[in-house]
């Protein structure tokens, strides 16, 4: 059964408008107005070491919990942004569009190149 989805091509990640810096306030925003934060590798390494020093054995659990909470919040915000931008729920997107947007999200946020492996798709 073919799904009729008429998504006019719009580039959510167009370079010239995806990120906007407010020089007066020193704040970086993405195209939907969400405040963005740029952190250096040195900061992240230092933060990780500080959590390990302060929390000992619990550091891994604490960082995992923080990552899960941040990831859930980020995912909800991102799905709302994409849905608003494209005028329909991201759950209705063709898989190719969803995959492309997700890969661009990783690249544009400095998280690296996302490679999605569908080898075990049939297993869930």
PDB file of N, CA and C in Angstrom:
ATOM      1  N   UNK A   1       0.851  -1.179   0.000  1.00  0.00           N
ATOM      2  CA  UNK A   1       0.000   0.000   0.000  1.00  0.00           C
ATOM      3  C   UNK A   1       0.893   1.237   0.000  1.00  0.00           C
ATOM      4  N   UNK A   2       0.724   2.094  -0.964  1.00  0.00           N
ATOM      5  CA  UNK A   2       1.515   3.323  -1.062  1.00  0.00           C
ATOM      6  C   UNK A   2       0.890   4.400  -0.183  1.00  0.00           C
ATOM      7  N   UNK A   3       1.757   5.130   0.484  1.00  0.00           N
ATOM      8  CA  UNK A   3       1.315   6.230   1.329  1.00  0.00           C
ATOM      9  C   UNK A   3       1.538   7.517   0.551  1.00  0.00           C
ATOM     10  N   UNK A   4       0.493   8.317   0.429  1.00  0.00           N
ATOM     11  CA  UNK A   4       0.594   9.572  -0.313  1.00  0.00           C
ATOM     12  C   UNK A   4       1.030  10.677   0.638  1.00  0.00           C
ATOM     13  N   UNK A   5       2.283  11.037   0.544  1.00  0.00           N
ATOM     14  CA  UNK A   5       2.812  12.104   1.384  1.00  0.00           C
ATOM     15  C   UNK A   5       3.377  13.165   0.467  1.00  0.00           C
ATOM     16  N   UNK A   6       2.766  14.312   0.477  1.00  0.00           N
ATOM     17  CA  UNK A   6       3.196  15.406  -0.373  1.00  0.00           C
ATOM     18  C   UNK A   6       4.020  16.380   0.463  1.00  0.00           C
ATOM     19  N   UNK A   7       5.297  16.086   0.619  1.00  0.00           N
ATOM     20  CA  UNK A   7       6.181  16.980   1.354  1.00  0.00           C
ATOM     21  C   UNK A   7       6.969  17.792   0.352  1.00  0.00           C
ATOM     22  N   UNK A   8       6.677  19.066   0.290  1.00  0.00           N
ATOM     23  CA  UNK A   8       7.447  19.917  -0.602  1.00  0.00           C
ATOM     24  C   UNK A   8       8.866  19.983  -0.054  1.00  0.00           C
ATOM     25  N   UNK A   9       9.845  19.999  -0.940  1.00  0.00           N
ATOM     26  CA  UNK A   9      11.229  19.984  -0.487  1.00  0.00           C
ATOM     27  C   UNK A   9      11.561  21.293   0.207  1.00  0.00           C
ATOM     28  N   UNK A  10      11.958  21.171   1.458  1.00  0.00           N
ATOM     29  CA  UNK A  10      12.466  22.289   2.246  1.00  0.00           C
ATOM     30  C   UNK A  10      13.693  21.768   2.965  1.00  0.00           C
ATOM     31  N   UNK A  11      14.715  22.575   3.038  1.00  0.00           N
ATOM     32  CA  UNK A  11      15.944  22.153   3.698  1.00  0.00           C
ATOM     33  C   UNK A  11      15.998  22.739   5.104  1.00  0.00           C
ATOM     34  N   UNK A  12      15.630  21.923   6.085  1.00  0.00           N
ATOM     35  CA  UNK A  12      15.632  22.365   7.481  1.00  0.00           C
ATOM     36  C   UNK A  12      17.024  22.805   7.916  1.00  0.00           C
ATOM     37  N   UNK A  13      18.048  22.192   7.344  1.00  0.00           N
ATOM     38  CA  UNK A  13      19.420  22.451   7.769  1.00  0.00           C
ATOM     39  C   UNK A  13      20.180  23.373   6.822  1.00  0.00           C
ATOM     40  N   UNK A  14      19.480  24.188   6.048  1.00  0.00           N
ATOM     41  CA  UNK A  14      20.165  25.135   5.173  1.00  0.00           C
ATOM     42  C   UNK A  14      21.146  25.952   6.001  1.00  0.00           C
ATOM     43  N   UNK A  15      22.410  25.917   5.604  1.00  0.00           N
ATOM     44  CA  UNK A  15      23.483  26.506   6.417  1.00  0.00           C
ATOM     45  C   UNK A  15      23.243  27.946   6.822  1.00  0.00           C
ATOM     46  N   UNK A  16      22.814  28.755   5.896  1.00  0.00           N
ATOM     47  CA  UNK A  16      22.731  30.185   6.181  1.00  0.00           C
ATOM     48  C   UNK A  16      21.631  30.551   7.173  1.00  0.00           C
ATOM     49  N   UNK A  17      20.690  29.618   7.431  1.00  0.00           N
ATOM     50  CA  UNK A  17      19.611  29.957   8.358  1.00  0.00           C
ATOM     51  C   UNK A  17      19.404  28.941   9.476  1.00  0.00           C
ATOM     52  N   UNK A  18      20.154  27.846   9.490  1.00  0.00           N
ATOM     53  CA  UNK A  18      19.940  26.841  10.535  1.00  0.00           C
ATOM     54  C   UNK A  18      20.384  27.364  11.900  1.00  0.00           C
ATOM     55  N   UNK A  19      21.548  27.965  11.958  1.00  0.00           N
ATOM     56  CA  UNK A  19      22.055  28.521  13.219  1.00  0.00           C
ATOM     57  C   UNK A  19      22.209  30.035  13.065  1.00  0.00           C
ATOM     58  N   UNK A  20      21.748  30.736  14.069  1.00  0.00           N
ATOM     59  CA  UNK A  20      21.863  32.193  14.065  1.00  0.00           C
ATOM     60  C   UNK A  20      22.472  32.618  15.396  1.00  0.00           C
ATOM     61  N   UNK A  21      23.489  33.453  15.317  1.00  0.00           N
ATOM     62  CA  UNK A  21      24.139  33.946  16.538  1.00  0.00           C
ATOM     63  C   UNK A  21      23.659  35.364  16.831  1.00  0.00           C
ATOM     64  N   UNK A  22      23.278  35.606  18.064  1.00  0.00           N
ATOM     65  CA  UNK A  22      22.947  36.950  18.522  1.00  0.00           C
ATOM     66  C   UNK A  22      24.221  37.484  19.173  1.00  0.00           C
ATOM     67  N   UNK A  23      24.932  38.311  18.447  1.00  0.00           N
ATOM     68  CA  UNK A  23      26.235  38.787  18.895  1.00  0.00           C
ATOM     69  C   UNK A  23      26.124  39.612  20.173  1.00  0.00           C
ATOM     70  N   UNK A  24      25.073  40.388  20.306  1.00  0.00           N
ATOM     71  CA  UNK A  24      24.914  41.241  21.489  1.00  0.00           C
ATOM     72  C   UNK A  24      24.768  40.434  22.779  1.00  0.00           C
ATOM     73  N   UNK A  25      24.025  39.336  22.721  1.00  0.00           N
ATOM     74  CA  UNK A  25      23.799  38.544  23.928  1.00  0.00           C
ATOM     75  C   UNK A  25      24.728  37.335  24.008  1.00  0.00           C
ATOM     76  N   UNK A  26      25.397  37.023  22.897  1.00  0.00           N
ATOM     77  CA  UNK A  26      26.292  35.876  22.878  1.00  0.00           C
ATOM     78  C   UNK A  26      25.557  34.543  22.864  1.00  0.00           C
ATOM     79  N   UNK A  27      24.337  34.535  22.340  1.00  0.00           N
ATOM     80  CA  UNK A  27      23.522  33.327  22.334  1.00  0.00           C
ATOM     81  C   UNK A  27      23.397  32.809  20.902  1.00  0.00           C
ATOM     82  N   UNK A  28      23.451  31.484  20.772  1.00  0.00           N
ATOM     83  CA  UNK A  28      23.312  30.816  19.495  1.00  0.00           C
ATOM     84  C   UNK A  28      21.953  30.124  19.478  1.00  0.00           C
ATOM     85  N   UNK A  29      21.183  30.342  18.404  1.00  0.00           N
ATOM     86  CA  UNK A  29      19.855  29.747  18.267  1.00  0.00           C
ATOM     87  C   UNK A  29      19.799  28.899  17.007  1.00  0.00           C
ATOM     88  N   UNK A  30      18.984  27.830  17.057  1.00  0.00           N
ATOM     89  CA  UNK A  30      18.722  27.118  15.818  1.00  0.00           C
ATOM     90  C   UNK A  30      17.518  27.760  15.148  1.00  0.00           C
ATOM     91  N   UNK A  31      17.147  27.269  13.990  1.00  0.00           N
ATOM     92  CA  UNK A  31      16.107  27.933  13.197  1.00  0.00           C
ATOM     93  C   UNK A  31      14.753  27.999  13.901  1.00  0.00           C
ATOM     94  N   UNK A  32      14.481  27.113  14.845  1.00  0.00           N
ATOM     95  CA  UNK A  32      13.197  27.145  15.538  1.00  0.00           C
ATOM     96  C   UNK A  32      13.237  27.996  16.806  1.00  0.00           C
ATOM     97  N   UNK A  33      14.400  28.587  17.100  1.00  0.00           N
ATOM     98  CA  UNK A  33      14.519  29.439  18.268  1.00  0.00           C
ATOM     99  C   UNK A  33      15.058  28.736  19.500  1.00  0.00           C
ATOM    100  N   UNK A  34      15.392  27.460  19.381  1.00  0.00           N
ATOM    101  CA  UNK A  34      15.955  26.739  20.528  1.00  0.00           C
ATOM    102  C   UNK A  34      17.380  27.208  20.754  1.00  0.00           C
ATOM    103  N   UNK A  35      17.695  27.531  22.011  1.00  0.00           N
ATOM    104  CA  UNK A  35      19.062  27.953  22.348  1.00  0.00           C
ATOM    105  C   UNK A  35      20.004  26.771  22.215  1.00  0.00           C
ATOM    106  N   UNK A  36      21.151  27.026  21.617  1.00  0.00           N
ATOM    107  CA  UNK A  36      22.156  25.990  21.408  1.00  0.00           C
ATOM    108  C   UNK A  36      23.370  26.322  22.258  1.00  0.00           C
ATOM    109  N   UNK A  37      24.152  25.296  22.556  1.00  0.00           N
ATOM    110  CA  UNK A  37      25.330  25.463  23.389  1.00  0.00           C
ATOM    111  C   UNK A  37      26.484  24.731  22.732  1.00  0.00           C
ATOM    112  N   UNK A  38      27.593  25.398  22.596  1.00  0.00           N
ATOM    113  CA  UNK A  38      28.794  24.783  22.029  1.00  0.00           C
ATOM    114  C   UNK A  38      29.788  24.539  23.161  1.00  0.00           C
ATOM    115  N   UNK A  39      30.213  23.291  23.297  1.00  0.00           N
ATOM    116  CA  UNK A  39      31.166  22.918  24.339  1.00  0.00           C
ATOM    117  C   UNK A  39      32.401  22.307  23.687  1.00  0.00           C
ATOM    118  N   UNK A  40      33.546  22.604  24.242  1.00  0.00           N
ATOM    119  CA  UNK A  40      34.787  22.060  23.696  1.00  0.00           C
ATOM    120  C   UNK A  40      35.022  20.646  24.225  1.00  0.00           C
ATOM    121  N   UNK A  41      35.865  19.908  23.520  1.00  0.00           N
ATOM    122  CA  UNK A  41      36.253  18.575  23.994  1.00  0.00           C
ATOM    123  C   UNK A  41      36.901  18.667  25.371  1.00  0.00           C
ATOM    124  N   UNK A  42      37.743  19.668  25.565  1.00  0.00           N
ATOM    125  CA  UNK A  42      38.413  19.840  26.858  1.00  0.00           C
ATOM    126  C   UNK A  42      37.408  20.015  27.989  1.00  0.00           C
ATOM    127  N   UNK A  43      36.370  20.801  27.747  1.00  0.00           N
ATOM    128  CA  UNK A  43      35.340  20.989  28.772  1.00  0.00           C
ATOM    129  C   UNK A  43      34.657  19.668  29.093  1.00  0.00           C
ATOM    130  N   UNK A  44      34.263  18.936  28.052  1.00  0.00           N
ATOM    131  CA  UNK A  44      33.547  17.682  28.266  1.00  0.00           C
ATOM    132  C   UNK A  44      34.405  16.647  28.994  1.00  0.00           C
ATOM    133  N   UNK A  45      35.682  16.566  28.641  1.00  0.00           N
ATOM    134  CA  UNK A  45      36.591  15.647  29.327  1.00  0.00           C
ATOM    135  C   UNK A  45      36.737  16.050  30.796  1.00  0.00           C
ATOM    136  N   UNK A  46      36.910  17.340  31.050  1.00  0.00           N
ATOM    137  CA  UNK A  46      37.026  17.837  32.423  1.00  0.00           C
ATOM    138  C   UNK A  46      35.759  17.593  33.224  1.00  0.00           C
ATOM    139  N   UNK A  47      34.616  17.801  32.609  1.00  0.00           N
ATOM    140  CA  UNK A  47      33.333  17.563  33.275  1.00  0.00           C
ATOM    141  C   UNK A  47      33.196  16.088  33.648  1.00  0.00           C
ATOM    142  N   UNK A  48      33.531  15.215  32.705  1.00  0.00           N
ATOM    143  CA  UNK A  48      33.453  13.775  32.954  1.00  0.00           C
ATOM    144  C   UNK A  48      34.371  13.372  34.109  1.00  0.00           C
ATOM    145  N   UNK A  49      35.576  13.894  34.107  1.00  0.00           N
ATOM    146  CA  UNK A  49      36.530  13.583  35.188  1.00  0.00           C
ATOM    147  C   UNK A  49      36.029  14.106  36.541  1.00  0.00           C
ATOM    148  N   UNK A  50      35.436  15.294  36.527  1.00  0.00           N
ATOM    149  CA  UNK A  50      34.919  15.869  37.778  1.00  0.00           C
ATOM    150  C   UNK A  50      33.777  15.021  38.335  1.00  0.00           C
ATOM    151  N   UNK A  51      32.886  14.561  37.467  1.00  0.00           N
ATOM    152  CA  UNK A  51      31.788  13.692  37.920  1.00  0.00           C
ATOM    153  C   UNK A  51      32.360  12.397  38.501  1.00  0.00           C
ATOM    154  N   UNK A  52      33.361  11.826  37.825  1.00  0.00           N
ATOM    155  CA  UNK A  52      33.983  10.599  38.339  1.00  0.00           C
ATOM    156  C   UNK A  52      34.627  10.825  39.709  1.00  0.00           C
ATOM    157  N   UNK A  53      35.286  11.956  39.862  1.00  0.00           N
ATOM    158  CA  UNK A  53      35.960  12.249  41.136  1.00  0.00           C
ATOM    159  C   UNK A  53      34.945  12.469  42.252  1.00  0.00           C
ATOM    160  N   UNK A  54      33.882  13.205  41.958  1.00  0.00           N
ATOM    161  CA  UNK A  54      32.892  13.539  42.980  1.00  0.00           C
ATOM    162  C   UNK A  54      31.956  12.376  43.313  1.00  0.00           C
ATOM    163  N   UNK A  55      31.659  11.553  42.327  1.00  0.00           N
ATOM    164  CA  UNK A  55      30.626  10.528  42.523  1.00  0.00           C
ATOM    165  C   UNK A  55      31.163   9.107  42.597  1.00  0.00           C
ATOM    166  N   UNK A  56      32.436   8.916  42.295  1.00  0.00           N
ATOM    167  CA  UNK A  56      33.036   7.585  42.384  1.00  0.00           C
ATOM    168  C   UNK A  56      32.354   6.572  41.492  1.00  0.00           C
ATOM    169  N   UNK A  57      32.016   5.432  42.082  1.00  0.00           N
ATOM    170  CA  UNK A  57      31.423   4.324  41.331  1.00  0.00           C
ATOM    171  C   UNK A  57      30.081   4.675  40.700  1.00  0.00           C
ATOM    172  N   UNK A  58      29.382   5.619  41.244  1.00  0.00           N
ATOM    173  CA  UNK A  58      28.057   6.014  40.726  1.00  0.00           C
ATOM    174  C   UNK A  58      28.144   6.906  39.497  1.00  0.00           C
ATOM    175  N   UNK A  59      29.345   7.346  39.132  1.00  0.00           N
ATOM    176  CA  UNK A  59      29.504   8.274  38.008  1.00  0.00           C
ATOM    177  C   UNK A  59      28.887   7.742  36.719  1.00  0.00           C
ATOM    178  N   UNK A  60      29.121   6.473  36.435  1.00  0.00           N
ATOM    179  CA  UNK A  60      28.580   5.892  35.204  1.00  0.00           C
ATOM    180  C   UNK A  60      27.063   5.935  35.193  1.00  0.00           C
ATOM    181  N   UNK A  61      26.447   5.559  36.316  1.00  0.00           N
ATOM    182  CA  UNK A  61      24.986   5.588  36.406  1.00  0.00           C
ATOM    183  C   UNK A  61      24.453   7.015  36.276  1.00  0.00           C
ATOM    184  N   UNK A  62      25.132   7.950  36.904  1.00  0.00           N
ATOM    185  CA  UNK A  62      24.695   9.352  36.854  1.00  0.00           C
ATOM    186  C   UNK A  62      24.799   9.889  35.430  1.00  0.00           C
ATOM    187  N   UNK A  63      25.921   9.655  34.772  1.00  0.00           N
ATOM    188  CA  UNK A  63      26.084  10.133  33.396  1.00  0.00           C
ATOM    189  C   UNK A  63      25.090   9.460  32.452  1.00  0.00           C
ATOM    190  N   UNK A  64      24.831   8.177  32.665  1.00  0.00           N
ATOM    191  CA  UNK A  64      23.852   7.466  31.845  1.00  0.00           C
ATOM    192  C   UNK A  64      22.460   8.075  32.027  1.00  0.00           C
ATOM    193  N   UNK A  65      22.086   8.339  33.272  1.00  0.00           N
ATOM    194  CA  UNK A  65      20.778   8.935  33.560  1.00  0.00           C
ATOM    195  C   UNK A  65      20.666  10.334  32.949  1.00  0.00           C
ATOM    196  N   UNK A  66      21.721  11.123  33.085  1.00  0.00           N
ATOM    197  CA  UNK A  66      21.723  12.464  32.479  1.00  0.00           C
ATOM    198  C   UNK A  66      21.573  12.374  30.964  1.00  0.00           C
ATOM    199  N   UNK A  67      22.314  11.456  30.357  1.00  0.00           N
ATOM    200  CA  UNK A  67      22.242  11.283  28.909  1.00  0.00           C
ATOM    201  C   UNK A  67      20.872  10.839  28.447  1.00  0.00           C
ATOM    202  N   UNK A  68      20.262   9.924  29.189  1.00  0.00           N
ATOM    203  CA  UNK A  68      18.926   9.442  28.829  1.00  0.00           C
ATOM    204  C   UNK A  68      17.909  10.581  28.922  1.00  0.00           C
ATOM    205  N   UNK A  69      17.978  11.341  30.022  1.00  0.00           N
ATOM    206  CA  UNK A  69      17.030  12.455  30.201  1.00  0.00           C
ATOM    207  C   UNK A  69      17.237  13.521  29.120  1.00  0.00           C
ATOM    208  N   UNK A  70      18.497  13.886  28.880  1.00  0.00           N
ATOM    209  CA  UNK A  70      18.781  14.877  27.849  1.00  0.00           C
ATOM    210  C   UNK A  70      18.324  14.366  26.482  1.00  0.00           C
ATOM    211  N   UNK A  71      18.622  13.098  26.187  1.00  0.00           N
ATOM    212  CA  UNK A  71      18.236  12.524  24.899  1.00  0.00           C
ATOM    213  C   UNK A  71      16.738  12.516  24.688  1.00  0.00           C
ATOM    214  N   UNK A  72      15.988  12.151  25.729  1.00  0.00           N
ATOM    215  CA  UNK A  72      14.523  12.151  25.615  1.00  0.00           C
ATOM    216  C   UNK A  72      13.992  13.559  25.370  1.00  0.00           C
ATOM    217  N   UNK A  73      14.491  14.522  26.137  1.00  0.00           N
ATOM    218  CA  UNK A  73      14.052  15.914  25.949  1.00  0.00           C
ATOM    219  C   UNK A  73      14.442  16.435  24.574  1.00  0.00           C
ATOM    220  N   UNK A  74      15.666  16.125  24.159  1.00  0.00           N
ATOM    221  CA  UNK A  74      16.125  16.581  22.851  1.00  0.00           C
ATOM    222  C   UNK A  74      15.281  15.954  21.738  1.00  0.00           C
ATOM    223  N   UNK A  75      14.999  14.665  21.862  1.00  0.00           N
ATOM    224  CA  UNK A  75      14.187  13.977  20.854  1.00  0.00           C
ATOM    225  C   UNK A  75      12.788  14.557  20.741  1.00  0.00           C
ATOM    226  N   UNK A  76      12.159  14.847  21.881  1.00  0.00           N
ATOM    227  CA  UNK A  76      10.820  15.464  21.847  1.00  0.00           C
ATOM    228  C   UNK A  76      10.871  16.831  21.180  1.00  0.00           C
ATOM    229  N   UNK A  77      11.887  17.634  21.538  1.00  0.00           N
ATOM    230  CA  UNK A  77      12.008  18.953  20.934  1.00  0.00           C
ATOM    231  C   UNK A  77      12.276  18.872  19.441  1.00  0.00           C
ATOM    232  N   UNK A  78      13.142  17.957  19.048  1.00  0.00           N
ATOM    233  CA  UNK A  78      13.477  17.807  17.635  1.00  0.00           C
ATOM    234  C   UNK A  78      12.271  17.338  16.822  1.00  0.00           C
ATOM    235  N   UNK A  79      11.517  16.387  17.354  1.00  0.00           N
ATOM    236  CA  UNK A  79      10.337  15.923  16.619  1.00  0.00           C
ATOM    237  C   UNK A  79       9.312  17.051  16.481  1.00  0.00           C
ATOM    238  N   UNK A  80       9.181  17.886  17.506  1.00  0.00           N
ATOM    239  CA  UNK A  80       8.260  19.029  17.413  1.00  0.00           C
ATOM    240  C   UNK A  80       8.751  20.037  16.373  1.00  0.00           C
ATOM    241  N   UNK A  81      10.070  20.284  16.336  1.00  0.00           N
ATOM    242  CA  UNK A  81      10.627  21.226  15.360  1.00  0.00           C
ATOM    243  C   UNK A  81      10.417  20.733  13.936  1.00  0.00           C
ATOM    244  N   UNK A  82      10.738  19.469  13.690  1.00  0.00           N
ATOM    245  CA  UNK A  82      10.566  18.921  12.337  1.00  0.00           C
ATOM    246  C   UNK A  82       9.097  18.911  11.937  1.00  0.00           C
ATOM    247  N   UNK A  83       8.228  18.519  12.867  1.00  0.00           N
ATOM    248  CA  UNK A  83       6.799  18.463  12.563  1.00  0.00           C
ATOM    249  C   UNK A  83       6.256  19.854  12.239  1.00  0.00           C
ATOM    250  N   UNK A  84       6.685  20.851  12.992  1.00  0.00           N
ATOM    251  CA  UNK A  84       6.237  22.222  12.722  1.00  0.00           C
ATOM    252  C   UNK A  84       6.774  22.710  11.383  1.00  0.00           C
ATOM    253  N   UNK A  85       8.049  22.456  11.114  1.00  0.00           N
ATOM    254  CA  UNK A  85       8.679  22.936   9.883  1.00  0.00           C
ATOM    255  C   UNK A  85       8.044  22.311   8.642  1.00  0.00           C
ATOM    256  N   UNK A  86       7.760  21.005   8.695  1.00  0.00           N
ATOM    257  CA  UNK A  86       7.223  20.311   7.532  1.00  0.00           C
ATOM    258  C   UNK A  86       5.696  20.228   7.519  1.00  0.00           C
ATOM    259  N   UNK A  87       5.047  20.715   8.579  1.00  0.00           N
ATOM    260  CA  UNK A  87       3.587  20.792   8.582  1.00  0.00           C
ATOM    261  C   UNK A  87       2.873  19.466   8.792  1.00  0.00           C
ATOM    262  N   UNK A  88       3.558  18.462   9.301  1.00  0.00           N
ATOM    263  CA  UNK A  88       2.946  17.173   9.618  1.00  0.00           C
ATOM    264  C   UNK A  88       3.830  16.447  10.610  1.00  0.00           C
ATOM    265  N   UNK A  89       3.264  15.479  11.281  1.00  0.00           N
ATOM    266  CA  UNK A  89       4.018  14.722  12.271  1.00  0.00           C
ATOM    267  C   UNK A  89       5.207  14.033  11.606  1.00  0.00           C
ATOM    268  N   UNK A  90       6.341  14.073  12.287  1.00  0.00           N
ATOM    269  CA  UNK A  90       7.519  13.415  11.724  1.00  0.00           C
ATOM    270  C   UNK A  90       7.288  11.915  11.590  1.00  0.00           C
ATOM    271  N   UNK A  91       6.327  11.379  12.319  1.00  0.00           N
ATOM    272  CA  UNK A  91       6.016   9.949  12.210  1.00  0.00           C
ATOM    273  C   UNK A  91       5.436   9.597  10.846  1.00  0.00           C
ATOM    274  N   UNK A  92       4.976  10.591  10.114  1.00  0.00           N
ATOM    275  CA  UNK A  92       4.437  10.376   8.772  1.00  0.00           C
ATOM    276  C   UNK A  92       5.500  10.527   7.687  1.00  0.00           C
ATOM    277  N   UNK A  93       6.709  10.904   8.066  1.00  0.00           N
ATOM    278  CA  UNK A  93       7.769  11.102   7.078  1.00  0.00           C
ATOM    279  C   UNK A  93       8.154   9.775   6.436  1.00  0.00           C
ATOM    280  N   UNK A  94       8.502   9.803   5.173  1.00  0.00           N
ATOM    281  CA  UNK A  94       9.103   8.604   4.577  1.00  0.00           C
ATOM    282  C   UNK A  94      10.416   8.316   5.309  1.00  0.00           C
ATOM    283  N   UNK A  95      10.778   7.047   5.399  1.00  0.00           N
ATOM    284  CA  UNK A  95      11.980   6.661   6.123  1.00  0.00           C
ATOM    285  C   UNK A  95      13.208   7.382   5.579  1.00  0.00           C
ATOM    286  N   UNK A  96      13.291   7.550   4.275  1.00  0.00           N
ATOM    287  CA  UNK A  96      14.461   8.209   3.682  1.00  0.00           C
ATOM    288  C   UNK A  96      14.600   9.651   4.177  1.00  0.00           C
ATOM    289  N   UNK A  97      13.485  10.370   4.315  1.00  0.00           N
ATOM    290  CA  UNK A  97      13.535  11.747   4.815  1.00  0.00           C
ATOM    291  C   UNK A  97      13.941  11.749   6.283  1.00  0.00           C
ATOM    292  N   UNK A  98      13.337  10.877   7.082  1.00  0.00           N
ATOM    293  CA  UNK A  98      13.687  10.801   8.499  1.00  0.00           C
ATOM    294  C   UNK A  98      15.167  10.498   8.673  1.00  0.00           C
ATOM    295  N   UNK A  99      15.654   9.512   7.936  1.00  0.00           N
ATOM    296  CA  UNK A  99      17.071   9.140   8.036  1.00  0.00           C
ATOM    297  C   UNK A  99      17.964  10.297   7.629  1.00  0.00           C
ATOM    298  N   UNK A 100      17.627  10.961   6.546  1.00  0.00           N
ATOM    299  CA  UNK A 100      18.430  12.094   6.080  1.00  0.00           C
ATOM    300  C   UNK A 100      18.466  13.219   7.116  1.00  0.00           C
ATOM    301  N   UNK A 101      17.319  13.534   7.692  1.00  0.00           N
ATOM    302  CA  UNK A 101      17.257  14.592   8.707  1.00  0.00           C
ATOM    303  C   UNK A 101      18.061  14.212   9.944  1.00  0.00           C
ATOM    304  N   UNK A 102      17.959  12.963  10.360  1.00  0.00           N
ATOM    305  CA  UNK A 102      18.692  12.518  11.540  1.00  0.00           C
ATOM    306  C   UNK A 102      20.203  12.578  11.299  1.00  0.00           C
ATOM    307  N   UNK A 103      20.634  12.167  10.122  1.00  0.00           N
ATOM    308  CA  UNK A 103      22.059  12.230   9.785  1.00  0.00           C
ATOM    309  C   UNK A 103      22.545  13.682   9.756  1.00  0.00           C
ATOM    310  N   UNK A 104      21.712  14.574   9.209  1.00  0.00           N
ATOM    311  CA  UNK A 104      22.077  15.990   9.170  1.00  0.00           C
ATOM    312  C   UNK A 104      22.110  16.591  10.572  1.00  0.00           C
ATOM    313  N   UNK A 105      21.209  16.145  11.430  1.00  0.00           N
ATOM    314  CA  UNK A 105      21.187  16.639  12.816  1.00  0.00           C
ATOM    315  C   UNK A 105      22.507  16.304  13.508  1.00  0.00           C
ATOM    316  N   UNK A 106      22.954  15.073  13.360  1.00  0.00           N
ATOM    317  CA  UNK A 106      24.230  14.673  13.966  1.00  0.00           C
ATOM    318  C   UNK A 106      25.368  15.524  13.412  1.00  0.00           C
ATOM    319  N   UNK A 107      25.440  15.647  12.092  1.00  0.00           N
ATOM    320  CA  UNK A 107      26.535  16.390  11.471  1.00  0.00           C
ATOM    321  C   UNK A 107      26.509  17.865  11.847  1.00  0.00           C
ATOM    322  N   UNK A 108      25.326  18.480  11.852  1.00  0.00           N
ATOM    323  CA  UNK A 108      25.221  19.908  12.142  1.00  0.00           C
ATOM    324  C   UNK A 108      25.479  20.248  13.605  1.00  0.00           C
ATOM    325  N   UNK A 109      25.334  19.272  14.480  1.00  0.00           N
ATOM    326  CA  UNK A 109      25.588  19.518  15.896  1.00  0.00           C
ATOM    327  C   UNK A 109      26.974  19.056  16.325  1.00  0.00           C
ATOM    328  N   UNK A 110      27.773  18.610  15.370  1.00  0.00           N
ATOM    329  CA  UNK A 110      29.140  18.224  15.689  1.00  0.00           C
ATOM    330  C   UNK A 110      29.259  16.874  16.372  1.00  0.00           C
ATOM    331  N   UNK A 111      28.261  16.002  16.200  1.00  0.00           N
ATOM    332  CA  UNK A 111      28.278  14.698  16.845  1.00  0.00           C
ATOM    333  C   UNK A 111      28.878  13.613  15.956  1.00  0.00           C
ATOM    334  N   UNK A 112      29.329  13.978  14.773  1.00  0.00           N
ATOM    335  CA  UNK A 112      29.930  13.006  13.868  1.00  0.00           C
ATOM    336  C   UNK A 112      28.971  12.594  12.772  1.00  0.00           C
ATOM    337  N   UNK A 113      29.418  11.626  11.979  1.00  0.00           N
ATOM    338  CA  UNK A 113      28.617  11.120  10.874  1.00  0.00           C
ATOM    339  C   UNK A 113      27.859   9.881  11.332  1.00  0.00           C
ATOM    340  N   UNK A 114      26.548   9.940  11.262  1.00  0.00           N
ATOM    341  CA  UNK A 114      25.698   8.843  11.685  1.00  0.00           C
ATOM    342  C   UNK A 114      25.580   7.838  10.550  1.00  0.00           C
ATOM    343  N   UNK A 115      25.820   6.583  10.863  1.00  0.00           N
ATOM    344  CA  UNK A 115      25.680   5.505   9.895  1.00  0.00           C
ATOM    345  C   UNK A 115      24.651   4.532  10.465  1.00  0.00           C
ATOM    346  N   UNK A 116      23.516   4.436   9.827  1.00  0.00           N
ATOM    347  CA  UNK A 116      22.436   3.587  10.327  1.00  0.00           C
ATOM    348  C   UNK A 116      22.528   2.228   9.647  1.00  0.00           C
ATOM    349  N   UNK A 117      22.599   1.189  10.450  1.00  0.00           N
ATOM    350  CA  UNK A 117      22.722  -0.176   9.951  1.00  0.00           C
ATOM    351  C   UNK A 117      21.360  -0.863  10.051  1.00  0.00           C
ATOM    352  N   UNK A 118      20.788  -1.225   8.906  1.00  0.00           N
ATOM    353  CA  UNK A 118      19.473  -1.874   8.879  1.00  0.00           C
ATOM    354  C   UNK A 118      19.585  -3.399   8.766  1.00  0.00           C
ATOM    355  N   UNK A 119      20.757  -3.927   8.987  1.00  0.00           N
ATOM    356  CA  UNK A 119      20.989  -5.367   8.819  1.00  0.00           C
ATOM    357  C   UNK A 119      20.020  -6.219   9.640  1.00  0.00           C
ATOM    358  N   UNK A 120      19.716  -5.805  10.865  1.00  0.00           N
ATOM    359  CA  UNK A 120      18.837  -6.578  11.730  1.00  0.00           C
ATOM    360  C   UNK A 120      17.437  -6.003  11.812  1.00  0.00           C
ATOM    361  N   UNK A 121      17.038  -5.253  10.799  1.00  0.00           N
ATOM    362  CA  UNK A 121      15.729  -4.614  10.798  1.00  0.00           C
ATOM    363  C   UNK A 121      14.601  -5.626  11.012  1.00  0.00           C
ATOM    364  N   UNK A 122      14.699  -6.753  10.368  1.00  0.00           N
ATOM    365  CA  UNK A 122      13.645  -7.763  10.478  1.00  0.00           C
ATOM    366  C   UNK A 122      13.500  -8.356  11.859  1.00  0.00           C
ATOM    367  N   UNK A 123      14.501  -8.191  12.702  1.00  0.00           N
ATOM    368  CA  UNK A 123      14.469  -8.721  14.065  1.00  0.00           C
ATOM    369  C   UNK A 123      13.905  -7.735  15.072  1.00  0.00           C
ATOM    370  N   UNK A 124      13.590  -6.529  14.609  1.00  0.00           N
ATOM    371  CA  UNK A 124      13.060  -5.528  15.522  1.00  0.00           C
ATOM    372  C   UNK A 124      14.056  -4.647  15.986  1.00  0.00           C
TER     373      UNK A 124
END
